[in-house]
PDB file of N, CA and C in Angstrom:
ATOM      1  N   LEU A   1       0.762  -4.203  -7.779  1.00  0.00           N
ATOM      2  CA  LEU A   1       2.043  -3.559  -7.980  1.00  0.00           C
ATOM      3  C   LEU A   1       2.278  -3.287  -9.463  1.00  0.00           C
ATOM      4  N   LYS A   2       1.969  -4.279 -10.294  1.00  0.00           N
ATOM      5  CA  LYS A   2       2.167  -4.095 -11.736  1.00  0.00           C
ATOM      6  C   LYS A   2       1.349  -2.926 -12.265  1.00  0.00           C
ATOM      7  N   VAL A   3       0.175  -2.722 -11.710  1.00  0.00           N
ATOM      8  CA  VAL A   3      -0.697  -1.647 -12.169  1.00  0.00           C
ATOM      9  C   VAL A   3      -0.181  -0.291 -11.694  1.00  0.00           C
ATOM     10  N   SER A   4       0.286  -0.213 -10.471  1.00  0.00           N
ATOM     11  CA  SER A   4       0.657   1.073  -9.873  1.00  0.00           C
ATOM     12  C   SER A   4       2.066   1.542 -10.201  1.00  0.00           C
ATOM     13  N   ILE A   5       2.968   0.641 -10.482  1.00  0.00           N
ATOM     14  CA  ILE A   5       4.384   1.003 -10.569  1.00  0.00           C
ATOM     15  C   ILE A   5       4.685   2.072 -11.617  1.00  0.00           C
ATOM     16  N   GLU A   6       3.915   2.118 -12.686  1.00  0.00           N
ATOM     17  CA  GLU A   6       4.177   3.098 -13.743  1.00  0.00           C
ATOM     18  C   GLU A   6       3.218   4.295 -13.707  1.00  0.00           C
ATOM     19  N   ARG A   7       2.456   4.424 -12.641  1.00  0.00           N
ATOM     20  CA  ARG A   7       1.505   5.537 -12.502  1.00  0.00           C
ATOM     21  C   ARG A   7       2.069   6.595 -11.549  1.00  0.00           C
ATOM     22  N   PRO A   8       2.406   7.776 -12.049  1.00  0.00           N
ATOM     23  CA  PRO A   8       3.002   8.810 -11.197  1.00  0.00           C
ATOM     24  C   PRO A   8       2.132   9.239 -10.017  1.00  0.00           C
ATOM     25  N   ASP A   9       0.817   9.080 -10.119  1.00  0.00           N
ATOM     26  CA  ASP A   9      -0.066   9.488  -9.024  1.00  0.00           C
ATOM     27  C   ASP A   9      -0.245   8.408  -7.966  1.00  0.00           C
ATOM     28  N   ASP A  10       0.289   7.213  -8.200  1.00  0.00           N
ATOM     29  CA  ASP A  10       0.171   6.124  -7.228  1.00  0.00           C
ATOM     30  C   ASP A  10       1.376   6.126  -6.294  1.00  0.00           C
ATOM     31  N   MET A  11       1.216   5.449  -5.158  1.00  0.00           N
ATOM     32  CA  MET A  11       2.297   5.384  -4.181  1.00  0.00           C
ATOM     33  C   MET A  11       2.411   3.972  -3.620  1.00  0.00           C
ATOM     34  N   ILE A  12       3.649   3.526  -3.456  1.00  0.00           N
ATOM     35  CA  ILE A  12       3.943   2.300  -2.726  1.00  0.00           C
ATOM     36  C   ILE A  12       4.491   2.757  -1.383  1.00  0.00           C
ATOM     37  N   LEU A  13       3.872   2.305  -0.308  1.00  0.00           N
ATOM     38  CA  LEU A  13       4.256   2.732   1.028  1.00  0.00           C
ATOM     39  C   LEU A  13       4.775   1.538   1.810  1.00  0.00           C
ATOM     40  N   PHE A  14       6.027   1.628   2.236  1.00  0.00           N
ATOM     41  CA  PHE A  14       6.624   0.586   3.068  1.00  0.00           C
ATOM     42  C   PHE A  14       6.606   1.055   4.514  1.00  0.00           C
ATOM     43  N   VAL A  15       6.342   0.140   5.419  1.00  0.00           N
ATOM     44  CA  VAL A  15       6.387   0.450   6.842  1.00  0.00           C
ATOM     45  C   VAL A  15       7.584  -0.281   7.421  1.00  0.00           C
ATOM     46  N   GLY A  16       8.625   0.490   7.723  1.00  0.00           N
ATOM     47  CA  GLY A  16       9.797  -0.082   8.368  1.00  0.00           C
ATOM     48  C   GLY A  16      10.804  -0.697   7.421  1.00  0.00           C
ATOM     49  N   TRP A  17      11.545  -1.614   7.960  1.00  0.00           N
ATOM     50  CA  TRP A  17      12.697  -2.222   7.316  1.00  0.00           C
ATOM     51  C   TRP A  17      12.277  -3.240   6.264  1.00  0.00           C
ATOM     52  N   ILE A  18      12.978  -3.239   5.130  1.00  0.00           N
ATOM     53  CA  ILE A  18      12.747  -4.200   4.049  1.00  0.00           C
ATOM     54  C   ILE A  18      14.022  -5.015   3.887  1.00  0.00           C
ATOM     55  N   PRO A  19      13.932  -6.342   3.835  1.00  0.00           N
ATOM     56  CA  PRO A  19      15.140  -7.173   3.722  1.00  0.00           C
ATOM     57  C   PRO A  19      15.922  -6.882   2.438  1.00  0.00           C
ATOM     58  N   PRO A  20      17.255  -6.980   2.506  1.00  0.00           N
ATOM     59  CA  PRO A  20      18.074  -6.790   1.305  1.00  0.00           C
ATOM     60  C   PRO A  20      17.765  -7.854   0.254  1.00  0.00           C
ATOM     61  N   HIS A  21      18.122  -7.550  -0.967  1.00  0.00           N
ATOM     62  CA  HIS A  21      18.000  -8.495  -2.091  1.00  0.00           C
ATOM     63  C   HIS A  21      16.550  -8.887  -2.376  1.00  0.00           C
ATOM     64  N   THR A  22      15.611  -7.979  -2.087  1.00  0.00           N
ATOM     65  CA  THR A  22      14.202  -8.243  -2.375  1.00  0.00           C
ATOM     66  C   THR A  22      13.676  -7.163  -3.320  1.00  0.00           C
ATOM     67  N   LEU A  23      12.569  -7.455  -3.953  1.00  0.00           N
ATOM     68  CA  LEU A  23      11.924  -6.466  -4.812  1.00  0.00           C
ATOM     69  C   LEU A  23      11.599  -5.209  -4.008  1.00  0.00           C
ATOM     70  N   GLY A  24      11.104  -5.402  -2.799  1.00  0.00           N
ATOM     71  CA  GLY A  24      10.777  -4.256  -1.951  1.00  0.00           C
ATOM     72  C   GLY A  24      11.972  -3.367  -1.695  1.00  0.00           C
ATOM     73  N   ARG A  25      13.118  -3.957  -1.420  1.00  0.00           N
ATOM     74  CA  ARG A  25      14.323  -3.169  -1.164  1.00  0.00           C
ATOM     75  C   ARG A  25      14.752  -2.419  -2.424  1.00  0.00           C
ATOM     76  N   ARG A  26      14.661  -3.082  -3.580  1.00  0.00           N
ATOM     77  CA  ARG A  26      15.031  -2.405  -4.830  1.00  0.00           C
ATOM     78  C   ARG A  26      14.119  -1.199  -5.070  1.00  0.00           C
ATOM     79  N   LEU A  27      12.840  -1.360  -4.793  1.00  0.00           N
ATOM     80  CA  LEU A  27      11.914  -0.236  -4.915  1.00  0.00           C
ATOM     81  C   LEU A  27      12.263   0.861  -3.917  1.00  0.00           C
ATOM     82  N   GLN A  28      12.513   0.454  -2.693  1.00  0.00           N
ATOM     83  CA  GLN A  28      12.825   1.391  -1.625  1.00  0.00           C
ATOM     84  C   GLN A  28      14.090   2.194  -1.945  1.00  0.00           C
ATOM     85  N   GLU A  29      15.051   1.557  -2.593  1.00  0.00           N
ATOM     86  CA  GLU A  29      16.313   2.221  -2.929  1.00  0.00           C
ATOM     87  C   GLU A  29      16.229   3.024  -4.224  1.00  0.00           C
ATOM     88  N   GLY A  30      15.077   2.995  -4.897  1.00  0.00           N
ATOM     89  CA  GLY A  30      14.874   3.838  -6.062  1.00  0.00           C
ATOM     90  C   GLY A  30      15.352   3.281  -7.385  1.00  0.00           C
ATOM     91  N   GLN A  31      15.529   1.961  -7.473  1.00  0.00           N
ATOM     92  CA  GLN A  31      15.906   1.367  -8.760  1.00  0.00           C
ATOM     93  C   GLN A  31      14.843   1.741  -9.790  1.00  0.00           C
ATOM     94  N   GLN A  32      15.256   2.281 -10.924  1.00  0.00           N
ATOM     95  CA  GLN A  32      14.314   2.841 -11.894  1.00  0.00           C
ATOM     96  C   GLN A  32      13.662   1.819 -12.810  1.00  0.00           C
ATOM     97  N   ARG A  33      14.328   0.715 -13.085  1.00  0.00           N
ATOM     98  CA  ARG A  33      13.735  -0.362 -13.892  1.00  0.00           C
ATOM     99  C   ARG A  33      13.584  -1.570 -12.983  1.00  0.00           C
ATOM    100  N   ILE A  34      12.368  -2.069 -12.895  1.00  0.00           N
ATOM    101  CA  ILE A  34      12.049  -3.156 -11.974  1.00  0.00           C
ATOM    102  C   ILE A  34      11.479  -4.323 -12.762  1.00  0.00           C
ATOM    103  N   ARG A  35      12.014  -5.506 -12.500  1.00  0.00           N
ATOM    104  CA  ARG A  35      11.475  -6.702 -13.139  1.00  0.00           C
ATOM    105  C   ARG A  35      10.502  -7.373 -12.176  1.00  0.00           C
ATOM    106  N   ILE A  36       9.294  -7.598 -12.665  1.00  0.00           N
ATOM    107  CA  ILE A  36       8.281  -8.330 -11.908  1.00  0.00           C
ATOM    108  C   ILE A  36       7.909  -9.527 -12.761  1.00  0.00           C
ATOM    109  N   TYR A  37       8.282 -10.688 -12.294  1.00  0.00           N
ATOM    110  CA  TYR A  37       8.137 -11.936 -13.040  1.00  0.00           C
ATOM    111  C   TYR A  37       8.833 -11.821 -14.389  1.00  0.00           C
ATOM    112  N   ASP A  38       8.117 -11.804 -15.482  1.00  0.00           N
ATOM    113  CA  ASP A  38       8.753 -11.872 -16.796  1.00  0.00           C
ATOM    114  C   ASP A  38       8.766 -10.540 -17.540  1.00  0.00           C
ATOM    115  N   ARG A  39       8.446  -9.446 -16.859  1.00  0.00           N
ATOM    116  CA  ARG A  39       8.363  -8.159 -17.552  1.00  0.00           C
ATOM    117  C   ARG A  39       9.103  -7.072 -16.781  1.00  0.00           C
ATOM    118  N   TRP A  40       9.691  -6.134 -17.526  1.00  0.00           N
ATOM    119  CA  TRP A  40      10.356  -4.979 -16.935  1.00  0.00           C
ATOM    120  C   TRP A  40       9.397  -3.798 -16.892  1.00  0.00           C
ATOM    121  N   TYR A  41       9.452  -3.039 -15.804  1.00  0.00           N
ATOM    122  CA  TYR A  41       8.606  -1.864 -15.606  1.00  0.00           C
ATOM    123  C   TYR A  41       9.488  -0.671 -15.259  1.00  0.00           C
ATOM    124  N   GLU A  42       9.034   0.516 -15.670  1.00  0.00           N
ATOM    125  CA  GLU A  42       9.701   1.758 -15.282  1.00  0.00           C
ATOM    126  C   GLU A  42       9.064   2.245 -13.982  1.00  0.00           C
ATOM    127  N   LEU A  43       9.887   2.541 -12.999  1.00  0.00           N
ATOM    128  CA  LEU A  43       9.377   3.039 -11.726  1.00  0.00           C
ATOM    129  C   LEU A  43       8.973   4.500 -11.899  1.00  0.00           C
ATOM    130  N   ARG A  44       7.674   4.746 -11.903  1.00  0.00           N
ATOM    131  CA  ARG A  44       7.154   6.109 -12.048  1.00  0.00           C
ATOM    132  C   ARG A  44       6.316   6.524 -10.836  1.00  0.00           C
ATOM    133  N   CYS A  45       5.883   5.552 -10.053  1.00  0.00           N
ATOM    134  CA  CYS A  45       5.062   5.884  -8.888  1.00  0.00           C
ATOM    135  C   CYS A  45       5.953   6.422  -7.769  1.00  0.00           C
ATOM    136  N   GLN A  46       5.303   6.978  -6.787  1.00  0.00           N
ATOM    137  CA  GLN A  46       6.017   7.448  -5.608  1.00  0.00           C
ATOM    138  C   GLN A  46       6.320   6.246  -4.715  1.00  0.00           C
ATOM    139  N   VAL A  47       7.475   6.258  -4.085  1.00  0.00           N
ATOM    140  CA  VAL A  47       7.837   5.211  -3.131  1.00  0.00           C
ATOM    141  C   VAL A  47       8.239   5.910  -1.840  1.00  0.00           C
ATOM    142  N   ARG A  48       7.588   5.559  -0.770  1.00  0.00           N
ATOM    143  CA  ARG A  48       7.877   6.166   0.529  1.00  0.00           C
ATOM    144  C   ARG A  48       8.049   5.064   1.570  1.00  0.00           C
ATOM    145  N   THR A  49       8.795   5.398   2.612  1.00  0.00           N
ATOM    146  CA  THR A  49       8.988   4.474   3.722  1.00  0.00           C
ATOM    147  C   THR A  49       8.667   5.197   5.018  1.00  0.00           C
ATOM    148  N   LEU A  50       7.852   4.574   5.839  1.00  0.00           N
ATOM    149  CA  LEU A  50       7.550   5.094   7.175  1.00  0.00           C
ATOM    150  C   LEU A  50       8.517   4.454   8.155  1.00  0.00           C
ATOM    151  N   HIS A  51       9.411   5.236   8.680  1.00  0.00           N
ATOM    152  CA  HIS A  51      10.344   4.694   9.659  1.00  0.00           C
ATOM    153  C   HIS A  51       9.818   4.879  11.080  1.00  0.00           C
ATOM    154  N   GLY A  52       8.850   5.768  11.260  1.00  0.00           N
ATOM    155  CA  GLY A  52       8.383   6.107  12.590  1.00  0.00           C
ATOM    156  C   GLY A  52       7.302   5.203  13.150  1.00  0.00           C
ATOM    157  N   LEU A  53       6.728   4.334  12.322  1.00  0.00           N
ATOM    158  CA  LEU A  53       5.687   3.426  12.799  1.00  0.00           C
ATOM    159  C   LEU A  53       6.227   2.013  12.843  1.00  0.00           C
ATOM    160  N   SER A  54       5.806   1.284  13.822  1.00  0.00           N
ATOM    161  CA  SER A  54       6.112  -0.140  13.796  1.00  0.00           C
ATOM    162  C   SER A  54       5.096  -0.793  12.873  1.00  0.00           C
ATOM    163  N   ALA A  55       5.313  -2.040  12.575  1.00  0.00           N
ATOM    164  CA  ALA A  55       4.348  -2.765  11.747  1.00  0.00           C
ATOM    165  C   ALA A  55       3.050  -2.991  12.518  1.00  0.00           C
ATOM    166  N   HIS A  56       3.021  -2.577  13.770  1.00  0.00           N
ATOM    167  CA  HIS A  56       1.856  -2.810  14.617  1.00  0.00           C
ATOM    168  C   HIS A  56       1.218  -1.506  15.078  1.00  0.00           C
ATOM    169  N   ALA A  57       1.231  -0.499  14.213  1.00  0.00           N
ATOM    170  CA  ALA A  57       0.570   0.762  14.552  1.00  0.00           C
ATOM    171  C   ALA A  57      -0.916   0.495  14.769  1.00  0.00           C
ATOM    172  N   ASP A  58      -1.515   1.258  15.678  1.00  0.00           N
ATOM    173  CA  ASP A  58      -2.941   1.045  15.892  1.00  0.00           C
ATOM    174  C   ASP A  58      -3.754   1.805  14.848  1.00  0.00           C
ATOM    175  N   GLY A  59      -5.033   1.515  14.807  1.00  0.00           N
ATOM    176  CA  GLY A  59      -5.898   2.093  13.797  1.00  0.00           C
ATOM    177  C   GLY A  59      -5.948   3.608  13.833  1.00  0.00           C
ATOM    178  N   THR A  60      -5.931   4.180  15.024  1.00  0.00           N
ATOM    179  CA  THR A  60      -5.972   5.635  15.148  1.00  0.00           C
ATOM    180  C   THR A  60      -4.726   6.266  14.544  1.00  0.00           C
ATOM    181  N   GLU A  61      -3.556   5.677  14.804  1.00  0.00           N
ATOM    182  CA  GLU A  61      -2.308   6.189  14.218  1.00  0.00           C
ATOM    183  C   GLU A  61      -2.340   6.091  12.696  1.00  0.00           C
ATOM    184  N   LEU A  62      -2.827   4.970  12.189  1.00  0.00           N
ATOM    185  CA  LEU A  62      -2.894   4.800  10.739  1.00  0.00           C
ATOM    186  C   LEU A  62      -3.877   5.784  10.111  1.00  0.00           C
ATOM    187  N   LEU A  63      -5.017   6.000  10.743  1.00  0.00           N
ATOM    188  CA  LEU A  63      -5.980   6.979  10.221  1.00  0.00           C
ATOM    189  C   LEU A  63      -5.386   8.386  10.213  1.00  0.00           C
ATOM    190  N   ARG A  64      -4.659   8.735  11.256  1.00  0.00           N
ATOM    191  CA  ARG A  64      -4.027  10.053  11.318  1.00  0.00           C
ATOM    192  C   ARG A  64      -3.022  10.198  10.174  1.00  0.00           C
ATOM    193  N   PHE A  65      -2.245   9.150   9.930  1.00  0.00           N
ATOM    194  CA  PHE A  65      -1.262   9.191   8.853  1.00  0.00           C
ATOM    195  C   PHE A  65      -1.946   9.314   7.490  1.00  0.00           C
ATOM    196  N   LEU A  66      -3.042   8.597   7.304  1.00  0.00           N
ATOM    197  CA  LEU A  66      -3.732   8.578   6.012  1.00  0.00           C
ATOM    198  C   LEU A  66      -4.664   9.769   5.797  1.00  0.00           C
ATOM    199  N   ALA A  67      -4.852  10.600   6.803  1.00  0.00           N
ATOM    200  CA  ALA A  67      -5.804  11.716   6.716  1.00  0.00           C
ATOM    201  C   ALA A  67      -5.681  12.536   5.429  1.00  0.00           C
ATOM    202  N   PRO A  68      -4.478  12.866   4.948  1.00  0.00           N
ATOM    203  CA  PRO A  68      -4.391  13.667   3.715  1.00  0.00           C
ATOM    204  C   PRO A  68      -4.920  12.950   2.468  1.00  0.00           C
ATOM    205  N   THR A  69      -5.070  11.646   2.526  1.00  0.00           N
ATOM    206  CA  THR A  69      -5.524  10.890   1.350  1.00  0.00           C
ATOM    207  C   THR A  69      -7.008  10.552   1.407  1.00  0.00           C
ATOM    208  N   LEU A  70      -7.680  10.914   2.479  1.00  0.00           N
ATOM    209  CA  LEU A  70      -9.080  10.539   2.668  1.00  0.00           C
ATOM    210  C   LEU A  70      -9.992  11.419   1.824  1.00  0.00           C
ATOM    211  N   ARG A  71     -10.271  10.934   0.615  1.00  0.00           N
ATOM    212  CA  ARG A  71     -11.143  11.644  -0.320  1.00  0.00           C
ATOM    213  C   ARG A  71     -12.056  10.617  -0.985  1.00  0.00           C
ATOM    214  N   PRO A  72     -13.229  11.047  -1.439  1.00  0.00           N
ATOM    215  CA  PRO A  72     -14.167  10.106  -2.067  1.00  0.00           C
ATOM    216  C   PRO A  72     -13.593   9.377  -3.280  1.00  0.00           C
ATOM    217  N   GLU A  73     -12.633   9.977  -3.979  1.00  0.00           N
ATOM    218  CA  GLU A  73     -12.090   9.336  -5.184  1.00  0.00           C
ATOM    219  C   GLU A  73     -10.912   8.405  -4.894  1.00  0.00           C
ATOM    220  N   THR A  74     -10.531   8.253  -3.638  1.00  0.00           N
ATOM    221  CA  THR A  74      -9.398   7.384  -3.316  1.00  0.00           C
ATOM    222  C   THR A  74      -9.867   6.027  -2.805  1.00  0.00           C
ATOM    223  N   ALA A  75      -8.972   5.065  -2.914  1.00  0.00           N
ATOM    224  CA  ALA A  75      -9.254   3.709  -2.430  1.00  0.00           C
ATOM    225  C   ALA A  75      -8.037   3.197  -1.683  1.00  0.00           C
ATOM    226  N   ALA A  76      -8.279   2.338  -0.724  1.00  0.00           N
ATOM    227  CA  ALA A  76      -7.199   1.704   0.028  1.00  0.00           C
ATOM    228  C   ALA A  76      -7.414   0.199   0.024  1.00  0.00           C
ATOM    229  N   TYR A  77      -6.325  -0.533  -0.030  1.00  0.00           N
ATOM    230  CA  TYR A  77      -6.364  -1.987   0.090  1.00  0.00           C
ATOM    231  C   TYR A  77      -5.860  -2.347   1.481  1.00  0.00           C
ATOM    232  N   VAL A  78      -6.691  -3.000   2.252  1.00  0.00           N
ATOM    233  CA  VAL A  78      -6.322  -3.427   3.601  1.00  0.00           C
ATOM    234  C   VAL A  78      -5.866  -4.874   3.480  1.00  0.00           C
ATOM    235  N   VAL A  79      -4.560  -5.090   3.587  1.00  0.00           N
ATOM    236  CA  VAL A  79      -3.992  -6.404   3.270  1.00  0.00           C
ATOM    237  C   VAL A  79      -3.254  -7.045   4.442  1.00  0.00           C
ATOM    238  N   HIS A  80      -3.458  -6.544   5.640  1.00  0.00           N
ATOM    239  CA  HIS A  80      -2.735  -7.098   6.780  1.00  0.00           C
ATOM    240  C   HIS A  80      -3.688  -7.246   7.956  1.00  0.00           C
ATOM    241  N   GLY A  81      -3.509  -8.306   8.712  1.00  0.00           N
ATOM    242  CA  GLY A  81      -4.304  -8.497   9.913  1.00  0.00           C
ATOM    243  C   GLY A  81      -5.359  -9.576   9.754  1.00  0.00           C
ATOM    244  N   GLU A  82      -5.951  -9.926  10.873  1.00  0.00           N
ATOM    245  CA  GLU A  82      -7.044 -10.888  10.874  1.00  0.00           C
ATOM    246  C   GLU A  82      -8.253 -10.266  10.179  1.00  0.00           C
ATOM    247  N   VAL A  83      -9.117 -11.107   9.641  1.00  0.00           N
ATOM    248  CA  VAL A  83     -10.257 -10.623   8.856  1.00  0.00           C
ATOM    249  C   VAL A  83     -11.112  -9.638   9.655  1.00  0.00           C
ATOM    250  N   ALA A  84     -11.446  -9.962  10.882  1.00  0.00           N
ATOM    251  CA  ALA A  84     -12.316  -9.082  11.674  1.00  0.00           C
ATOM    252  C   ALA A  84     -11.679  -7.706  11.875  1.00  0.00           C
ATOM    253  N   GLN A  85     -10.384  -7.672  12.173  1.00  0.00           N
ATOM    254  CA  GLN A  85      -9.698  -6.395  12.363  1.00  0.00           C
ATOM    255  C   GLN A  85      -9.601  -5.627  11.044  1.00  0.00           C
ATOM    256  N   ALA A  86      -9.330  -6.342   9.945  1.00  0.00           N
ATOM    257  CA  ALA A  86      -9.248  -5.694   8.631  1.00  0.00           C
ATOM    258  C   ALA A  86     -10.599  -5.085   8.260  1.00  0.00           C
ATOM    259  N   GLU A  87     -11.675  -5.817   8.515  1.00  0.00           N
ATOM    260  CA  GLU A  87     -13.015  -5.297   8.212  1.00  0.00           C
ATOM    261  C   GLU A  87     -13.324  -4.059   9.048  1.00  0.00           C
ATOM    262  N   GLY A  88     -12.953  -4.109  10.315  1.00  0.00           N
ATOM    263  CA  GLY A  88     -13.179  -2.959  11.191  1.00  0.00           C
ATOM    264  C   GLY A  88     -12.402  -1.735  10.738  1.00  0.00           C
ATOM    265  N   PHE A  89     -11.135  -1.938  10.358  1.00  0.00           N
ATOM    266  CA  PHE A  89     -10.326  -0.813   9.907  1.00  0.00           C
ATOM    267  C   PHE A  89     -10.831  -0.277   8.569  1.00  0.00           C
ATOM    268  N   ALA A  90     -11.235  -1.171   7.676  1.00  0.00           N
ATOM    269  CA  ALA A  90     -11.789  -0.741   6.384  1.00  0.00           C
ATOM    270  C   ALA A  90     -13.029   0.132   6.608  1.00  0.00           C
ATOM    271  N   ALA A  91     -13.881  -0.264   7.535  1.00  0.00           N
ATOM    272  CA  ALA A  91     -15.082   0.528   7.836  1.00  0.00           C
ATOM    273  C   ALA A  91     -14.702   1.901   8.391  1.00  0.00           C
ATOM    274  N   ARG A  92     -13.674   1.947   9.237  1.00  0.00           N
ATOM    275  CA  ARG A  92     -13.214   3.229   9.784  1.00  0.00           C
ATOM    276  C   ARG A  92     -12.669   4.135   8.680  1.00  0.00           C
ATOM    277  N   LEU A  93     -11.959   3.546   7.720  1.00  0.00           N
ATOM    278  CA  LEU A  93     -11.433   4.335   6.600  1.00  0.00           C
ATOM    279  C   LEU A  93     -12.564   4.992   5.813  1.00  0.00           C
ATOM    280  N   VAL A  94     -13.580   4.205   5.486  1.00  0.00           N
ATOM    281  CA  VAL A  94     -14.708   4.729   4.707  1.00  0.00           C
ATOM    282  C   VAL A  94     -15.456   5.795   5.512  1.00  0.00           C
ATOM    283  N   LYS A  95     -15.679   5.534   6.786  1.00  0.00           N
ATOM    284  CA  LYS A  95     -16.368   6.510   7.635  1.00  0.00           C
ATOM    285  C   LYS A  95     -15.581   7.820   7.721  1.00  0.00           C
ATOM    286  N   ALA A  96     -14.243   7.719   7.681  1.00  0.00           N
ATOM    287  CA  ALA A  96     -13.391   8.907   7.764  1.00  0.00           C
ATOM    288  C   ALA A  96     -13.309   9.666   6.442  1.00  0.00           C
ATOM    289  N   GLY A  97     -13.815   9.070   5.345  1.00  0.00           N
ATOM    290  CA  GLY A  97     -13.834   9.783   4.074  1.00  0.00           C
ATOM    291  C   GLY A  97     -13.155   9.105   2.906  1.00  0.00           C
ATOM    292  N   MET A  98     -12.551   7.941   3.120  1.00  0.00           N
ATOM    293  CA  MET A  98     -11.938   7.197   2.014  1.00  0.00           C
ATOM    294  C   MET A  98     -13.052   6.700   1.105  1.00  0.00           C
ATOM    295  N   GLY A  99     -12.886   6.833  -0.197  1.00  0.00           N
ATOM    296  CA  GLY A  99     -13.915   6.411  -1.141  1.00  0.00           C
ATOM    297  C   GLY A  99     -14.258   4.939  -1.021  1.00  0.00           C
ATOM    298  N   ARG A 100     -13.226   4.107  -1.022  1.00  0.00           N
ATOM    299  CA  ARG A 100     -13.434   2.656  -0.900  1.00  0.00           C
ATOM    300  C   ARG A 100     -12.299   2.072  -0.076  1.00  0.00           C
ATOM    301  N   ALA A 101     -12.595   1.050   0.677  1.00  0.00           N
ATOM    302  CA  ALA A 101     -11.579   0.279   1.394  1.00  0.00           C
ATOM    303  C   ALA A 101     -11.820  -1.182   1.035  1.00  0.00           C
ATOM    304  N   ILE A 102     -10.860  -1.774   0.364  1.00  0.00           N
ATOM    305  CA  ILE A 102     -11.008  -3.110  -0.202  1.00  0.00           C
ATOM    306  C   ILE A 102     -10.156  -4.089   0.589  1.00  0.00           C
ATOM    307  N   ILE A 103     -10.748  -5.220   0.950  1.00  0.00           N
ATOM    308  CA  ILE A 103     -10.017  -6.293   1.627  1.00  0.00           C
ATOM    309  C   ILE A 103      -9.942  -7.457   0.651  1.00  0.00           C
ATOM    310  N   PRO A 104      -8.826  -7.611  -0.056  1.00  0.00           N
ATOM    311  CA  PRO A 104      -8.721  -8.702  -1.030  1.00  0.00           C
ATOM    312  C   PRO A 104      -8.698 -10.059  -0.336  1.00  0.00           C
ATOM    313  N   ALA A 105      -9.233 -11.061  -0.993  1.00  0.00           N
ATOM    314  CA  ALA A 105      -9.149 -12.431  -0.478  1.00  0.00           C
ATOM    315  C   ALA A 105      -7.691 -12.879  -0.514  1.00  0.00           C
ATOM    316  N   MET A 106      -7.353 -13.829   0.339  1.00  0.00           N
ATOM    317  CA  MET A 106      -5.990 -14.364   0.361  1.00  0.00           C
ATOM    318  C   MET A 106      -5.580 -14.814  -1.029  1.00  0.00           C
ATOM    319  N   GLU A 107      -4.344 -14.505  -1.390  1.00  0.00           N
ATOM    320  CA  GLU A 107      -3.729 -14.908  -2.651  1.00  0.00           C
ATOM    321  C   GLU A 107      -4.435 -14.331  -3.876  1.00  0.00           C
ATOM    322  N   THR A 108      -5.172 -13.249  -3.691  1.00  0.00           N
ATOM    323  CA  THR A 108      -5.797 -12.557  -4.815  1.00  0.00           C
ATOM    324  C   THR A 108      -4.766 -11.645  -5.451  1.00  0.00           C
ATOM    325  N   SER A 109      -4.708 -11.661  -6.754  1.00  0.00           N
ATOM    326  CA  SER A 109      -3.831 -10.739  -7.472  1.00  0.00           C
ATOM    327  C   SER A 109      -4.461  -9.356  -7.451  1.00  0.00           C
ATOM    328  N   MET A 110      -3.679  -8.349  -7.131  1.00  0.00           N
ATOM    329  CA  MET A 110      -4.193  -6.985  -7.120  1.00  0.00           C
ATOM    330  C   MET A 110      -4.611  -6.574  -8.530  1.00  0.00           C
ATOM    331  N   ILE A 111      -4.059  -7.187  -9.543  1.00  0.00           N
ATOM    332  CA  ILE A 111      -4.421  -6.883 -10.925  1.00  0.00           C
ATOM    333  C   ILE A 111      -5.855  -7.315 -11.194  1.00  0.00           C
ATOM    334  N   ASP A 112      -6.292  -8.390 -10.546  1.00  0.00           N
ATOM    335  CA  ASP A 112      -7.644  -8.900 -10.750  1.00  0.00           C
ATOM    336  C   ASP A 112      -8.708  -8.043 -10.076  1.00  0.00           C
ATOM    337  N   LEU A 113      -8.296  -7.170  -9.172  1.00  0.00           N
ATOM    338  CA  LEU A 113      -9.272  -6.355  -8.444  1.00  0.00           C
ATOM    339  C   LEU A 113      -9.643  -5.218  -9.290  1.00  0.00           C
TER     340      LEU A 113
END
């Protein structure tokens, strides 16, 4: 998040409802200055919310949604689901044309990737 928040070409995508009084909700509502731990960031990335999918969309629905982003120079982080399902979906993303599909280890900082 720290890496992407100030990049205009990056996007934070929320699926569904975000609880009030959370960082996610502040992002979703378009707050322009965001504090993450001890530093303030300017919100420059795109923030979108999918209201039409449940948090349990199947792989085919997710691939259809991501189709416009499937290019060799793009990467996706698969951060939800059991390991076997995440690996399967990551493989489907790459086969469909995504440059890389990364499954971070539990509690890995996205900055370290």
